[in-house]
Amino acid sequence: MLLGRLCEAVGLPGQEGEVRAILREELGGRVDEMRSDTIGNLIVRKGPAGGPRVMLAAHMDEVGFLVSGFTKDGCLRFVKAGGTDDRVILTKPVLVGPQRLPGVIGSRPYHLETDKDREGPVKGDKLCIDIGCTSKEEAERKVKLGDPVVFDTCFAEFGEGYVKGRALDDRIGCAVLAEVLKQDWSVPVWGVFTTQEEIGSRGATIAAYSIQPEMGIALEGTVSADVAGVDNDGLVTEPGKGPAIGIMDSGSIPNRKMLAQVVGLAKQHGVPFQFRRTTSGGNDAGPIQRTQAGAATVTISVPCKNIHSPVAIASMSDFDNCVKLVGLFLKSVEGGFRA
């Protein structure tokens, strides 16, 4: 499964090469144009060269850590690459560097903490990664400063139609985009697998400046609070109830006509959908909307439990319906779109 291969690839911001290689292989010979730019975006065109340009964006990078130093007893200091909650990283197994060395994130034992120390989660700057070394010199021979660190999580299918894995944000969006690009379109569809979204949507900014789209859709794996102890008002999104359409976030507000068109198509064709019931966070829709003369944008996401954590959960029916809804929109704008 493409999604599984993508989730098990390592791709921190600025180090998305493994993910890009998988997508190049998957789409090779099935699209009309494929290239990479200087920041590492994989830019793919499907359809004619002329007509209303639609940019579909899904980011290849994931949250994780970078090695920033060494302790005298051979452990690794690290910094965050993207937003990860300190509460979810203690004792987690990780993979370090291009050789994927196994490691464990640890801290001083609970038994040795003071009452004050126990009042909240252990802060990231007090944690270190143990890779089984006993000296700084040994660790330095195995690991380099700046090496990537990701959670050691295996992708798997489980339950009735669900999957779990690392980096579903946004490898699930990448997989949606890949499926869309395998189809034939009569409008120029520019699929961009972007870089460095987790640290400011840098890749999308550059790609949008180059493509100058009239319409843009950000394809995301988005937050879901569908867990025990959260009432209906706080769920945000619910896996299994269809792709989530954004109404606003910290970086963009969807074009009202484009939003209405997506919703209308979902209703007309019986595609289940939901609205993303929060305005926090941001994604690649923001820079697409604001670059050069601007573009009409909307965000369509697959809900994911436990986002930005060692293991997230998503529904494959939401994935399938996201592919279907994007396809319906692309067919509906064959004659153009007036914002």
Foldseek 3Di string as FASTA:
>chain_A
DLLQQLQPDAAAFQRLVSNVVSLCVLCPPQFDDWDADPSGKIKTKFADPDDAEEEEEAASHAKFWFFAAADFQGWTQIDIRFDADLVFQEQFWKFWAPVGQIKGKHAPDPVPDDPVCPPDHDDSRRITIDRPGGGRVVNCVVHDGGITMATDWHWDDDDPQKIKGHCVWPSLLVVLLSVLSSDHFNHIYMYIHAGSFRPPLPRLLVVLLVRVGQEYEYETADEAPPDPPDDPLPGQDDFPQAKEKECAAPQDGADPVLVVVLVVLCVVVVQGYYYRNDHYDDGSQRSNQPHDVGHGYIYIYFYWYPGSHRMIMHGVSNSVSSSVSVVSSSRVQSVHDDD
